[in-house]
Amino acid sequence: EFPENVPTNKIWRENFIQCGNLQTISIPNGVEVLDGTFEGCTGLTEILLPDTLIEIGDWTFKDCPSLSTLTIPDTVTTIGYSACENTNISSITLPSNLTSFSMSAVANCPIEELIFPDTVTTCEGDVAHLPNLKKIVFPDNLELTSLYIWECPNLELVVFPDSIQEISFDSSGLNNPSNCTFEVPAEIAEYYQNKFPE
């Protein structure tokens, strides 16, 4: 455990990286940013995050294969690049105040659903390397002009924001293309109708 008077609001990548014997940890109140902090902590199974946390930065939990659950406080507004990549997290509830999300944050995780809150205004990267993903719902107000979807073999439903203009989709990677539905704005539905499974 941390001492209660941690003299920083940010825990850096160098603090715990590749601490294979670390299993559980509680982050104290006052910490606002985790920045690659626990990358490669292969034994990490449980982490308690404080209500003061604002950002889960790049690579924070990357390559933590023993981590299967993560409760993210609603104070978090940013989840960065590869933040939870290669973990065993199968379910994630995105915080209600989230504004920025990197799709690579959950790459190679067994999650089945990604439902974004209406607060999200920035979403970067491809929807990729999500073998168990069945459903992804983007908020209507998200400015997302293009999206590439690949290596999501069990995908069943994608709800796009009104701003979407271009979609690239690898249907050959689907186990059952006929069961996959794309909900898109009416003005581009006809243009893309031959690319979507019926």
N, C-alpha and C. Protein backbone atom coordinates (compact mmCIF):
# COMPACT_ATOMS: atom_id res chain seq x y z
N GLU A 1 0.83 -1.19 0.00
CA GLU A 1 0.00 0.00 0.00
C GLU A 1 0.87 1.25 0.00
N PHE A 2 0.30 2.33 -0.55
CA PHE A 2 0.97 3.61 -0.53
C PHE A 2 0.78 4.27 0.83
N PRO A 3 1.73 5.08 1.25
CA PRO A 3 1.46 5.95 2.40
C PRO A 3 0.40 6.97 2.01
N GLU A 4 -0.39 7.42 2.97
CA GLU A 4 -1.50 8.31 2.67
C GLU A 4 -1.04 9.68 2.16
N ASN A 5 0.16 10.07 2.51
CA ASN A 5 0.64 11.39 2.11
C ASN A 5 1.56 11.32 0.90
N VAL A 6 1.11 10.60 -0.15
CA VAL A 6 1.90 10.51 -1.37
C VAL A 6 2.15 11.93 -1.90
N PRO A 7 3.42 12.30 -2.12
CA PRO A 7 3.72 13.69 -2.46
C PRO A 7 3.60 14.03 -3.95
N THR A 8 2.70 13.38 -4.67
CA THR A 8 2.55 13.65 -6.09
C THR A 8 1.14 13.33 -6.53
N ASN A 9 0.70 13.99 -7.59
CA ASN A 9 -0.62 13.65 -8.14
C ASN A 9 -0.49 12.77 -9.38
N LYS A 10 0.75 12.38 -9.71
CA LYS A 10 1.00 11.56 -10.89
C LYS A 10 1.98 10.44 -10.55
N ILE A 11 1.62 9.21 -10.93
CA ILE A 11 2.51 8.07 -10.71
C ILE A 11 3.07 7.66 -12.06
N TRP A 12 4.38 7.72 -12.20
CA TRP A 12 5.04 7.57 -13.49
C TRP A 12 5.25 6.12 -13.86
N ARG A 13 5.62 5.92 -15.11
CA ARG A 13 5.87 4.59 -15.68
C ARG A 13 6.99 3.86 -14.93
N GLU A 14 7.95 4.59 -14.45
CA GLU A 14 9.13 3.97 -13.83
C GLU A 14 8.83 3.37 -12.46
N ASN A 15 7.72 3.72 -11.85
CA ASN A 15 7.48 3.33 -10.46
C ASN A 15 7.25 1.84 -10.27
N PHE A 16 6.45 1.21 -11.15
CA PHE A 16 6.08 -0.19 -10.94
C PHE A 16 6.25 -1.06 -12.18
N ILE A 17 6.78 -0.53 -13.26
CA ILE A 17 6.85 -1.28 -14.50
C ILE A 17 7.53 -2.63 -14.31
N GLN A 18 6.87 -3.68 -14.84
CA GLN A 18 7.39 -5.05 -14.83
C GLN A 18 7.66 -5.58 -13.41
N CYS A 19 6.84 -5.16 -12.46
CA CYS A 19 6.91 -5.74 -11.11
C CYS A 19 6.05 -7.01 -11.11
N GLY A 20 6.63 -8.10 -11.51
CA GLY A 20 5.88 -9.34 -11.71
C GLY A 20 5.26 -9.91 -10.45
N ASN A 21 5.80 -9.57 -9.28
CA ASN A 21 5.28 -10.12 -8.03
C ASN A 21 4.15 -9.29 -7.43
N LEU A 22 3.90 -8.11 -8.01
CA LEU A 22 2.83 -7.26 -7.50
C LEU A 22 1.48 -7.88 -7.84
N GLN A 23 0.64 -8.08 -6.81
CA GLN A 23 -0.66 -8.72 -7.03
C GLN A 23 -1.83 -7.78 -6.80
N THR A 24 -1.83 -7.04 -5.71
CA THR A 24 -2.92 -6.11 -5.43
C THR A 24 -2.33 -4.78 -4.97
N ILE A 25 -3.05 -3.70 -5.28
CA ILE A 25 -2.57 -2.39 -4.87
C ILE A 25 -3.75 -1.43 -4.83
N SER A 26 -3.71 -0.51 -3.89
CA SER A 26 -4.72 0.52 -3.75
C SER A 26 -4.05 1.88 -3.95
N ILE A 27 -4.53 2.61 -4.94
CA ILE A 27 -3.97 3.93 -5.23
C ILE A 27 -4.65 4.96 -4.33
N PRO A 28 -3.89 5.77 -3.62
CA PRO A 28 -4.48 6.69 -2.65
C PRO A 28 -5.16 7.89 -3.29
N ASN A 29 -6.06 8.48 -2.55
CA ASN A 29 -6.68 9.73 -2.97
C ASN A 29 -5.61 10.80 -3.18
N GLY A 30 -5.85 11.66 -4.14
CA GLY A 30 -4.88 12.70 -4.48
C GLY A 30 -4.18 12.42 -5.79
N VAL A 31 -4.07 11.13 -6.14
CA VAL A 31 -3.44 10.78 -7.42
C VAL A 31 -4.44 11.06 -8.55
N GLU A 32 -4.00 11.83 -9.55
CA GLU A 32 -4.87 12.22 -10.66
C GLU A 32 -4.50 11.54 -11.97
N VAL A 33 -3.23 11.13 -12.12
CA VAL A 33 -2.76 10.58 -13.39
C VAL A 33 -1.93 9.32 -13.15
N LEU A 34 -2.25 8.27 -13.90
CA LEU A 34 -1.39 7.08 -13.98
C LEU A 34 -0.82 7.07 -15.40
N ASP A 35 0.50 6.98 -15.50
CA ASP A 35 1.18 7.12 -16.78
C ASP A 35 2.08 5.92 -17.04
N GLY A 36 1.52 4.87 -17.67
CA GLY A 36 2.30 3.67 -17.94
C GLY A 36 2.73 2.95 -16.68
N THR A 37 2.05 3.20 -15.59
CA THR A 37 2.54 2.85 -14.26
C THR A 37 2.74 1.37 -14.03
N PHE A 38 1.83 0.54 -14.53
CA PHE A 38 1.86 -0.89 -14.17
C PHE A 38 2.12 -1.79 -15.38
N GLU A 39 2.68 -1.24 -16.43
CA GLU A 39 2.96 -2.04 -17.62
C GLU A 39 3.82 -3.25 -17.29
N GLY A 40 3.39 -4.43 -17.74
CA GLY A 40 4.18 -5.64 -17.55
C GLY A 40 4.13 -6.21 -16.15
N CYS A 41 3.18 -5.78 -15.33
CA CYS A 41 3.01 -6.37 -13.98
C CYS A 41 2.16 -7.62 -14.14
N THR A 42 2.79 -8.71 -14.49
CA THR A 42 2.08 -9.92 -14.92
C THR A 42 1.28 -10.58 -13.80
N GLY A 43 1.62 -10.32 -12.55
CA GLY A 43 0.89 -10.93 -11.44
C GLY A 43 -0.24 -10.09 -10.90
N LEU A 44 -0.43 -8.88 -11.42
CA LEU A 44 -1.44 -7.96 -10.90
C LEU A 44 -2.85 -8.49 -11.15
N THR A 45 -3.61 -8.67 -10.07
CA THR A 45 -4.97 -9.19 -10.18
C THR A 45 -6.02 -8.18 -9.73
N GLU A 46 -5.63 -7.22 -8.89
CA GLU A 46 -6.62 -6.28 -8.38
C GLU A 46 -5.98 -4.92 -8.13
N ILE A 47 -6.70 -3.88 -8.55
CA ILE A 47 -6.23 -2.52 -8.29
C ILE A 47 -7.44 -1.65 -7.96
N LEU A 48 -7.31 -0.87 -6.91
CA LEU A 48 -8.37 0.05 -6.51
C LEU A 48 -7.95 1.46 -6.89
N LEU A 49 -8.79 2.11 -7.67
CA LEU A 49 -8.48 3.45 -8.17
C LEU A 49 -9.25 4.50 -7.37
N PRO A 50 -8.61 5.65 -7.11
CA PRO A 50 -9.26 6.67 -6.28
C PRO A 50 -10.23 7.54 -7.07
N ASP A 51 -11.10 8.21 -6.34
CA ASP A 51 -12.07 9.11 -6.97
C ASP A 51 -11.44 10.42 -7.44
N THR A 52 -10.15 10.57 -7.18
CA THR A 52 -9.45 11.77 -7.67
C THR A 52 -8.82 11.54 -9.04
N LEU A 53 -8.85 10.32 -9.53
CA LEU A 53 -8.17 9.99 -10.79
C LEU A 53 -8.86 10.65 -11.98
N ILE A 54 -8.06 11.27 -12.85
CA ILE A 54 -8.56 11.96 -14.04
C ILE A 54 -8.13 11.26 -15.32
N GLU A 55 -6.91 10.72 -15.32
CA GLU A 55 -6.36 10.15 -16.56
C GLU A 55 -5.72 8.80 -16.32
N ILE A 56 -6.07 7.83 -17.16
CA ILE A 56 -5.37 6.55 -17.26
C ILE A 56 -4.56 6.64 -18.54
N GLY A 57 -3.28 6.91 -18.41
CA GLY A 57 -2.45 7.23 -19.55
C GLY A 57 -2.00 6.03 -20.36
N ASP A 58 -1.21 6.31 -21.39
CA ASP A 58 -0.72 5.27 -22.30
C ASP A 58 -0.02 4.15 -21.55
N TRP A 59 -0.33 2.91 -21.93
CA TRP A 59 0.33 1.69 -21.43
C TRP A 59 0.18 1.45 -19.92
N THR A 60 -0.75 2.09 -19.26
CA THR A 60 -0.82 1.99 -17.80
C THR A 60 -0.97 0.56 -17.31
N PHE A 61 -1.83 -0.24 -17.94
CA PHE A 61 -2.03 -1.63 -17.52
C PHE A 61 -1.67 -2.61 -18.64
N LYS A 62 -0.94 -2.16 -19.63
CA LYS A 62 -0.58 -3.03 -20.75
C LYS A 62 0.23 -4.24 -20.27
N ASP A 63 -0.10 -5.40 -20.86
CA ASP A 63 0.61 -6.64 -20.54
C ASP A 63 0.48 -7.01 -19.07
N CYS A 64 -0.74 -6.88 -18.56
CA CYS A 64 -1.07 -7.37 -17.21
C CYS A 64 -2.09 -8.49 -17.37
N PRO A 65 -1.67 -9.69 -17.79
CA PRO A 65 -2.61 -10.74 -18.17
C PRO A 65 -3.45 -11.30 -17.03
N SER A 66 -3.04 -11.07 -15.79
CA SER A 66 -3.81 -11.58 -14.64
C SER A 66 -4.92 -10.63 -14.22
N LEU A 67 -4.96 -9.44 -14.81
CA LEU A 67 -5.97 -8.45 -14.45
C LEU A 67 -7.24 -8.72 -15.25
N SER A 68 -8.31 -9.13 -14.56
CA SER A 68 -9.55 -9.50 -15.23
C SER A 68 -10.70 -8.53 -14.95
N THR A 69 -10.56 -7.69 -13.95
CA THR A 69 -11.60 -6.70 -13.65
C THR A 69 -10.94 -5.36 -13.38
N LEU A 70 -11.65 -4.29 -13.73
CA LEU A 70 -11.16 -2.94 -13.48
C LEU A 70 -12.36 -2.01 -13.33
N THR A 71 -12.48 -1.43 -12.14
CA THR A 71 -13.54 -0.45 -11.90
C THR A 71 -12.94 0.93 -12.04
N ILE A 72 -13.44 1.67 -13.02
CA ILE A 72 -12.90 2.99 -13.33
C ILE A 72 -13.83 4.05 -12.73
N PRO A 73 -13.30 4.93 -11.88
CA PRO A 73 -14.16 5.96 -11.29
C PRO A 73 -14.67 6.94 -12.34
N ASP A 74 -15.83 7.52 -12.07
CA ASP A 74 -16.45 8.44 -13.02
C ASP A 74 -15.67 9.74 -13.19
N THR A 75 -14.68 9.97 -12.36
CA THR A 75 -13.85 11.18 -12.48
C THR A 75 -12.90 11.10 -13.66
N VAL A 76 -12.65 9.91 -14.18
CA VAL A 76 -11.69 9.73 -15.29
C VAL A 76 -12.27 10.31 -16.58
N THR A 77 -11.49 11.18 -17.23
CA THR A 77 -11.91 11.79 -18.49
C THR A 77 -11.11 11.29 -19.69
N THR A 78 -9.95 10.67 -19.45
CA THR A 78 -9.07 10.24 -20.55
C THR A 78 -8.56 8.83 -20.31
N ILE A 79 -8.68 7.99 -21.32
CA ILE A 79 -8.08 6.65 -21.31
C ILE A 79 -7.20 6.55 -22.55
N GLY A 80 -5.90 6.37 -22.34
CA GLY A 80 -4.93 6.53 -23.40
C GLY A 80 -4.59 5.27 -24.19
N TYR A 81 -3.61 5.44 -25.05
CA TYR A 81 -3.15 4.42 -25.98
C TYR A 81 -2.70 3.15 -25.24
N SER A 82 -3.26 2.00 -25.65
CA SER A 82 -2.87 0.69 -25.11
C SER A 82 -2.98 0.62 -23.58
N ALA A 83 -3.87 1.40 -23.01
CA ALA A 83 -3.94 1.50 -21.55
C ALA A 83 -4.21 0.16 -20.88
N CYS A 84 -5.06 -0.67 -21.49
CA CYS A 84 -5.38 -1.98 -20.91
C CYS A 84 -5.11 -3.11 -21.90
N GLU A 85 -4.30 -2.87 -22.89
CA GLU A 85 -4.02 -3.87 -23.92
C GLU A 85 -3.39 -5.12 -23.31
N ASN A 86 -3.82 -6.29 -23.82
CA ASN A 86 -3.28 -7.57 -23.38
C ASN A 86 -3.56 -7.85 -21.90
N THR A 87 -4.72 -7.40 -21.42
CA THR A 87 -5.19 -7.83 -20.10
C THR A 87 -6.29 -8.86 -20.32
N ASN A 88 -6.85 -9.36 -19.23
CA ASN A 88 -7.92 -10.35 -19.31
C ASN A 88 -9.26 -9.74 -18.93
N ILE A 89 -9.39 -8.44 -19.11
CA ILE A 89 -10.63 -7.74 -18.76
C ILE A 89 -11.72 -8.10 -19.78
N SER A 90 -12.81 -8.66 -19.28
CA SER A 90 -13.89 -9.11 -20.17
C SER A 90 -15.08 -8.17 -20.16
N SER A 91 -15.14 -7.28 -19.18
CA SER A 91 -16.24 -6.33 -19.09
C SER A 91 -15.72 -5.01 -18.56
N ILE A 92 -16.13 -3.92 -19.19
CA ILE A 92 -15.66 -2.62 -18.76
C ILE A 92 -16.79 -1.61 -18.89
N THR A 93 -17.01 -0.85 -17.83
CA THR A 93 -17.98 0.23 -17.85
C THR A 93 -17.21 1.54 -17.96
N LEU A 94 -17.38 2.22 -19.08
CA LEU A 94 -16.65 3.46 -19.28
C LEU A 94 -17.24 4.56 -18.40
N PRO A 95 -16.38 5.38 -17.80
CA PRO A 95 -16.86 6.39 -16.84
C PRO A 95 -17.77 7.43 -17.49
N SER A 96 -18.69 7.93 -16.71
CA SER A 96 -19.73 8.82 -17.23
C SER A 96 -19.20 10.18 -17.66
N ASN A 97 -17.98 10.54 -17.23
CA ASN A 97 -17.38 11.82 -17.61
C ASN A 97 -16.27 11.67 -18.65
N LEU A 98 -16.15 10.50 -19.24
CA LEU A 98 -15.08 10.25 -20.22
C LEU A 98 -15.25 11.15 -21.44
N THR A 99 -14.15 11.79 -21.85
CA THR A 99 -14.18 12.64 -23.05
C THR A 99 -13.25 12.12 -24.15
N SER A 100 -12.18 11.42 -23.79
CA SER A 100 -11.19 10.98 -24.78
C SER A 100 -10.85 9.51 -24.56
N PHE A 101 -10.89 8.72 -25.66
CA PHE A 101 -10.65 7.28 -25.55
C PHE A 101 -9.85 6.82 -26.76
N SER A 102 -8.83 6.00 -26.50
CA SER A 102 -8.07 5.37 -27.57
C SER A 102 -8.55 3.93 -27.73
N MET A 103 -8.96 3.55 -28.95
CA MET A 103 -9.48 2.20 -29.16
C MET A 103 -8.44 1.13 -28.83
N SER A 104 -7.17 1.45 -28.98
CA SER A 104 -6.13 0.47 -28.65
C SER A 104 -6.06 0.19 -27.15
N ALA A 105 -6.77 0.98 -26.36
CA ALA A 105 -6.76 0.78 -24.91
C ALA A 105 -7.23 -0.61 -24.53
N VAL A 106 -8.09 -1.21 -25.34
CA VAL A 106 -8.65 -2.51 -24.99
C VAL A 106 -8.28 -3.59 -26.02
N ALA A 107 -7.27 -3.34 -26.85
CA ALA A 107 -6.86 -4.32 -27.85
C ALA A 107 -6.44 -5.63 -27.19
N ASN A 108 -6.83 -6.73 -27.82
CA ASN A 108 -6.50 -8.06 -27.33
C ASN A 108 -7.05 -8.33 -25.93
N CYS A 109 -8.19 -7.74 -25.62
CA CYS A 109 -8.91 -8.03 -24.39
C CYS A 109 -10.18 -8.82 -24.74
N PRO A 110 -10.67 -9.68 -23.85
CA PRO A 110 -11.86 -10.48 -24.17
C PRO A 110 -13.18 -9.77 -23.89
N ILE A 111 -13.22 -8.45 -24.02
CA ILE A 111 -14.46 -7.73 -23.76
C ILE A 111 -15.50 -8.03 -24.85
N GLU A 112 -16.77 -8.00 -24.47
CA GLU A 112 -17.86 -8.30 -25.39
C GLU A 112 -18.62 -7.06 -25.82
N GLU A 113 -18.59 -5.99 -24.99
CA GLU A 113 -19.32 -4.78 -25.32
C GLU A 113 -18.49 -3.54 -25.03
N LEU A 114 -18.65 -2.53 -25.87
CA LEU A 114 -18.10 -1.21 -25.63
C LEU A 114 -19.22 -0.20 -25.87
N ILE A 115 -19.69 0.41 -24.80
CA ILE A 115 -20.76 1.39 -24.92
C ILE A 115 -20.23 2.71 -24.38
N PHE A 116 -20.15 3.70 -25.26
CA PHE A 116 -19.55 4.98 -24.89
C PHE A 116 -20.59 5.92 -24.31
N PRO A 117 -20.22 6.65 -23.26
CA PRO A 117 -21.14 7.67 -22.74
C PRO A 117 -21.23 8.86 -23.70
N ASP A 118 -22.27 9.65 -23.54
CA ASP A 118 -22.49 10.80 -24.43
C ASP A 118 -21.41 11.87 -24.30
N THR A 119 -20.62 11.79 -23.25
CA THR A 119 -19.59 12.81 -23.00
C THR A 119 -18.37 12.65 -23.90
N VAL A 120 -18.22 11.50 -24.54
CA VAL A 120 -17.02 11.25 -25.36
C VAL A 120 -17.04 12.11 -26.62
N THR A 121 -15.98 12.89 -26.80
CA THR A 121 -15.86 13.74 -27.99
C THR A 121 -14.69 13.35 -28.89
N THR A 122 -13.77 12.55 -28.35
CA THR A 122 -12.61 12.12 -29.11
C THR A 122 -12.42 10.62 -28.95
N CYS A 123 -12.34 9.92 -30.09
CA CYS A 123 -12.12 8.47 -30.08
C CYS A 123 -11.12 8.17 -31.20
N GLU A 124 -9.93 7.73 -30.83
CA GLU A 124 -8.85 7.55 -31.80
C GLU A 124 -8.55 6.08 -32.05
N GLY A 125 -8.15 5.77 -33.27
CA GLY A 125 -7.68 4.43 -33.60
C GLY A 125 -8.76 3.54 -34.20
N ASP A 126 -8.34 2.34 -34.62
CA ASP A 126 -9.23 1.37 -35.25
C ASP A 126 -9.93 0.52 -34.19
N VAL A 127 -11.06 -0.05 -34.59
CA VAL A 127 -11.69 -1.11 -33.79
C VAL A 127 -11.06 -2.41 -34.26
N ALA A 128 -10.12 -2.94 -33.50
CA ALA A 128 -9.32 -4.07 -33.98
C ALA A 128 -8.82 -4.93 -32.83
N HIS A 129 -8.52 -6.18 -33.18
CA HIS A 129 -7.94 -7.14 -32.22
C HIS A 129 -8.84 -7.32 -30.99
N LEU A 130 -10.14 -7.48 -31.26
CA LEU A 130 -11.11 -7.70 -30.18
C LEU A 130 -11.88 -8.97 -30.50
N PRO A 131 -11.33 -10.13 -30.17
CA PRO A 131 -11.89 -11.39 -30.63
C PRO A 131 -13.28 -11.72 -30.07
N ASN A 132 -13.64 -11.17 -28.90
CA ASN A 132 -14.93 -11.49 -28.29
C ASN A 132 -15.96 -10.37 -28.45
N LEU A 133 -15.56 -9.26 -29.05
CA LEU A 133 -16.45 -8.10 -29.13
C LEU A 133 -17.69 -8.42 -29.97
N LYS A 134 -18.87 -8.15 -29.37
CA LYS A 134 -20.14 -8.36 -30.06
C LYS A 134 -20.85 -7.04 -30.37
N LYS A 135 -20.64 -6.05 -29.52
CA LYS A 135 -21.44 -4.82 -29.65
C LYS A 135 -20.59 -3.61 -29.31
N ILE A 136 -20.70 -2.58 -30.16
CA ILE A 136 -20.03 -1.31 -29.87
C ILE A 136 -20.99 -0.19 -30.25
N VAL A 137 -21.17 0.74 -29.32
CA VAL A 137 -22.12 1.84 -29.52
C VAL A 137 -21.40 3.17 -29.29
N PHE A 138 -21.34 3.97 -30.34
CA PHE A 138 -20.75 5.30 -30.25
C PHE A 138 -21.84 6.33 -29.98
N PRO A 139 -21.53 7.39 -29.24
CA PRO A 139 -22.54 8.43 -28.99
C PRO A 139 -22.80 9.27 -30.23
N ASP A 140 -24.02 9.78 -30.35
CA ASP A 140 -24.41 10.54 -31.53
C ASP A 140 -23.55 11.78 -31.76
N ASN A 141 -23.12 12.41 -30.68
CA ASN A 141 -22.41 13.68 -30.82
C ASN A 141 -20.91 13.53 -31.03
N LEU A 142 -20.41 12.31 -31.12
CA LEU A 142 -18.98 12.09 -31.33
C LEU A 142 -18.58 12.50 -32.74
N GLU A 143 -17.50 13.28 -32.85
CA GLU A 143 -16.96 13.66 -34.16
C GLU A 143 -16.02 12.56 -34.63
N LEU A 144 -16.55 11.64 -35.40
CA LEU A 144 -15.79 10.50 -35.90
C LEU A 144 -16.10 10.37 -37.39
N THR A 145 -15.21 10.88 -38.22
CA THR A 145 -15.50 10.93 -39.65
C THR A 145 -15.18 9.62 -40.37
N SER A 146 -14.23 8.83 -39.84
CA SER A 146 -13.89 7.57 -40.50
C SER A 146 -13.52 6.53 -39.45
N LEU A 147 -13.70 5.26 -39.82
CA LEU A 147 -13.42 4.17 -38.89
C LEU A 147 -13.07 2.91 -39.68
N TYR A 148 -12.06 2.20 -39.20
CA TYR A 148 -11.66 0.92 -39.78
C TYR A 148 -11.90 -0.17 -38.74
N ILE A 149 -12.61 -1.23 -39.15
CA ILE A 149 -12.94 -2.34 -38.25
C ILE A 149 -12.31 -3.61 -38.80
N TRP A 150 -11.53 -4.29 -37.97
CA TRP A 150 -10.90 -5.53 -38.42
C TRP A 150 -10.53 -6.41 -37.23
N GLU A 151 -10.43 -7.72 -37.52
CA GLU A 151 -10.10 -8.73 -36.51
C GLU A 151 -11.04 -8.65 -35.31
N CYS A 152 -12.33 -8.57 -35.62
CA CYS A 152 -13.39 -8.64 -34.61
C CYS A 152 -14.38 -9.71 -35.07
N PRO A 153 -14.02 -10.99 -35.00
CA PRO A 153 -14.77 -12.07 -35.66
C PRO A 153 -16.18 -12.29 -35.14
N ASN A 154 -16.48 -11.88 -33.91
CA ASN A 154 -17.80 -12.14 -33.33
C ASN A 154 -18.69 -10.90 -33.29
N LEU A 155 -18.32 -9.88 -34.03
CA LEU A 155 -19.08 -8.63 -34.02
C LEU A 155 -20.50 -8.85 -34.54
N GLU A 156 -21.48 -8.29 -33.80
CA GLU A 156 -22.88 -8.41 -34.17
C GLU A 156 -23.55 -7.06 -34.43
N LEU A 157 -23.09 -6.00 -33.73
CA LEU A 157 -23.76 -4.71 -33.85
C LEU A 157 -22.76 -3.58 -33.67
N VAL A 158 -22.80 -2.61 -34.60
CA VAL A 158 -22.06 -1.37 -34.46
C VAL A 158 -23.03 -0.22 -34.68
N VAL A 159 -23.12 0.67 -33.70
CA VAL A 159 -23.96 1.86 -33.83
C VAL A 159 -23.03 3.05 -34.01
N PHE A 160 -23.07 3.66 -35.20
CA PHE A 160 -22.17 4.75 -35.54
C PHE A 160 -22.75 6.10 -35.15
N PRO A 161 -21.87 7.08 -34.91
CA PRO A 161 -22.37 8.44 -34.63
C PRO A 161 -22.85 9.12 -35.91
N ASP A 162 -23.59 10.19 -35.75
CA ASP A 162 -24.13 10.92 -36.91
C ASP A 162 -23.03 11.51 -37.79
N SER A 163 -21.84 11.71 -37.23
CA SER A 163 -20.76 12.36 -37.97
C SER A 163 -20.03 11.44 -38.93
N ILE A 164 -20.28 10.12 -38.87
CA ILE A 164 -19.49 9.17 -39.66
C ILE A 164 -19.69 9.42 -41.15
N GLN A 165 -18.59 9.40 -41.89
CA GLN A 165 -18.62 9.63 -43.34
C GLN A 165 -17.99 8.48 -44.13
N GLU A 166 -17.05 7.79 -43.50
CA GLU A 166 -16.34 6.73 -44.22
C GLU A 166 -16.10 5.55 -43.28
N ILE A 167 -16.43 4.35 -43.78
CA ILE A 167 -16.27 3.13 -42.98
C ILE A 167 -15.49 2.12 -43.81
N SER A 168 -14.44 1.56 -43.21
CA SER A 168 -13.69 0.46 -43.83
C SER A 168 -13.88 -0.76 -42.94
N PHE A 169 -14.25 -1.87 -43.57
CA PHE A 169 -14.69 -3.02 -42.79
C PHE A 169 -14.19 -4.31 -43.42
N ASP A 170 -13.49 -5.12 -42.65
CA ASP A 170 -12.99 -6.40 -43.13
C ASP A 170 -14.01 -7.48 -42.78
N SER A 171 -14.98 -7.70 -43.66
CA SER A 171 -16.03 -8.68 -43.39
C SER A 171 -15.51 -10.11 -43.44
N SER A 172 -14.36 -10.33 -44.08
CA SER A 172 -13.81 -11.69 -44.17
C SER A 172 -13.39 -12.22 -42.81
N GLY A 173 -13.19 -11.31 -41.84
CA GLY A 173 -12.79 -11.74 -40.51
C GLY A 173 -13.94 -12.09 -39.59
N LEU A 174 -15.20 -11.98 -40.10
CA LEU A 174 -16.36 -12.29 -39.29
C LEU A 174 -16.69 -13.77 -39.33
N ASN A 175 -17.05 -14.32 -38.17
CA ASN A 175 -17.48 -15.71 -38.14
C ASN A 175 -18.84 -15.89 -38.81
N ASN A 176 -19.72 -14.88 -38.66
CA ASN A 176 -21.06 -14.98 -39.23
C ASN A 176 -21.50 -13.60 -39.74
N PRO A 177 -21.07 -13.23 -40.94
CA PRO A 177 -21.36 -11.89 -41.47
C PRO A 177 -22.85 -11.56 -41.52
N SER A 178 -23.70 -12.55 -41.74
CA SER A 178 -25.14 -12.29 -41.86
C SER A 178 -25.75 -11.84 -40.55
N ASN A 179 -25.07 -12.05 -39.44
CA ASN A 179 -25.59 -11.64 -38.13
C ASN A 179 -25.05 -10.29 -37.67
N CYS A 180 -24.29 -9.63 -38.53
CA CYS A 180 -23.69 -8.34 -38.14
C CYS A 180 -24.51 -7.18 -38.70
N THR A 181 -24.87 -6.25 -37.83
CA THR A 181 -25.67 -5.10 -38.22
C THR A 181 -24.90 -3.82 -37.97
N PHE A 182 -24.89 -2.94 -38.98
CA PHE A 182 -24.32 -1.60 -38.83
C PHE A 182 -25.48 -0.60 -38.84
N GLU A 183 -25.56 0.21 -37.80
CA GLU A 183 -26.53 1.29 -37.78
C GLU A 183 -25.81 2.58 -38.11
N VAL A 184 -26.16 3.15 -39.27
CA VAL A 184 -25.47 4.33 -39.79
C VAL A 184 -26.48 5.43 -40.08
N PRO A 185 -26.03 6.67 -40.19
CA PRO A 185 -26.94 7.76 -40.56
C PRO A 185 -27.60 7.48 -41.91
N ALA A 186 -28.84 7.91 -42.05
CA ALA A 186 -29.63 7.60 -43.24
C ALA A 186 -28.97 8.10 -44.52
N GLU A 187 -28.28 9.24 -44.44
CA GLU A 187 -27.72 9.84 -45.66
C GLU A 187 -26.57 9.05 -46.26
N ILE A 188 -25.96 8.18 -45.49
CA ILE A 188 -24.88 7.38 -46.08
C ILE A 188 -25.24 5.90 -46.14
N ALA A 189 -26.39 5.52 -45.63
CA ALA A 189 -26.78 4.11 -45.62
C ALA A 189 -26.87 3.54 -47.02
N GLU A 190 -27.47 4.28 -47.93
CA GLU A 190 -27.63 3.79 -49.30
C GLU A 190 -26.28 3.64 -50.00
N TYR A 191 -25.37 4.58 -49.74
CA TYR A 191 -24.05 4.55 -50.38
C TYR A 191 -23.27 3.29 -49.97
N TYR A 192 -23.46 2.89 -48.72
CA TYR A 192 -22.69 1.75 -48.21
C TYR A 192 -23.48 0.44 -48.20
N GLN A 193 -24.67 0.41 -48.74
CA GLN A 193 -25.52 -0.75 -48.55
C GLN A 193 -24.88 -2.04 -49.08
N ASN A 194 -24.10 -1.95 -50.13
CA ASN A 194 -23.48 -3.17 -50.67
C ASN A 194 -22.29 -3.64 -49.85
N LYS A 195 -21.89 -2.86 -48.84
CA LYS A 195 -20.76 -3.27 -48.00
C LYS A 195 -21.23 -3.89 -46.69
N PHE A 196 -22.51 -3.72 -46.37
CA PHE A 196 -23.02 -4.21 -45.11
C PHE A 196 -23.72 -5.56 -45.30
N PRO A 197 -23.51 -6.48 -44.34
CA PRO A 197 -24.27 -7.74 -44.40
C PRO A 197 -25.76 -7.45 -44.27
N GLU A 198 -26.55 -8.24 -44.98
CA GLU A 198 -27.99 -8.06 -44.90
C GLU A 198 -28.55 -8.71 -43.64
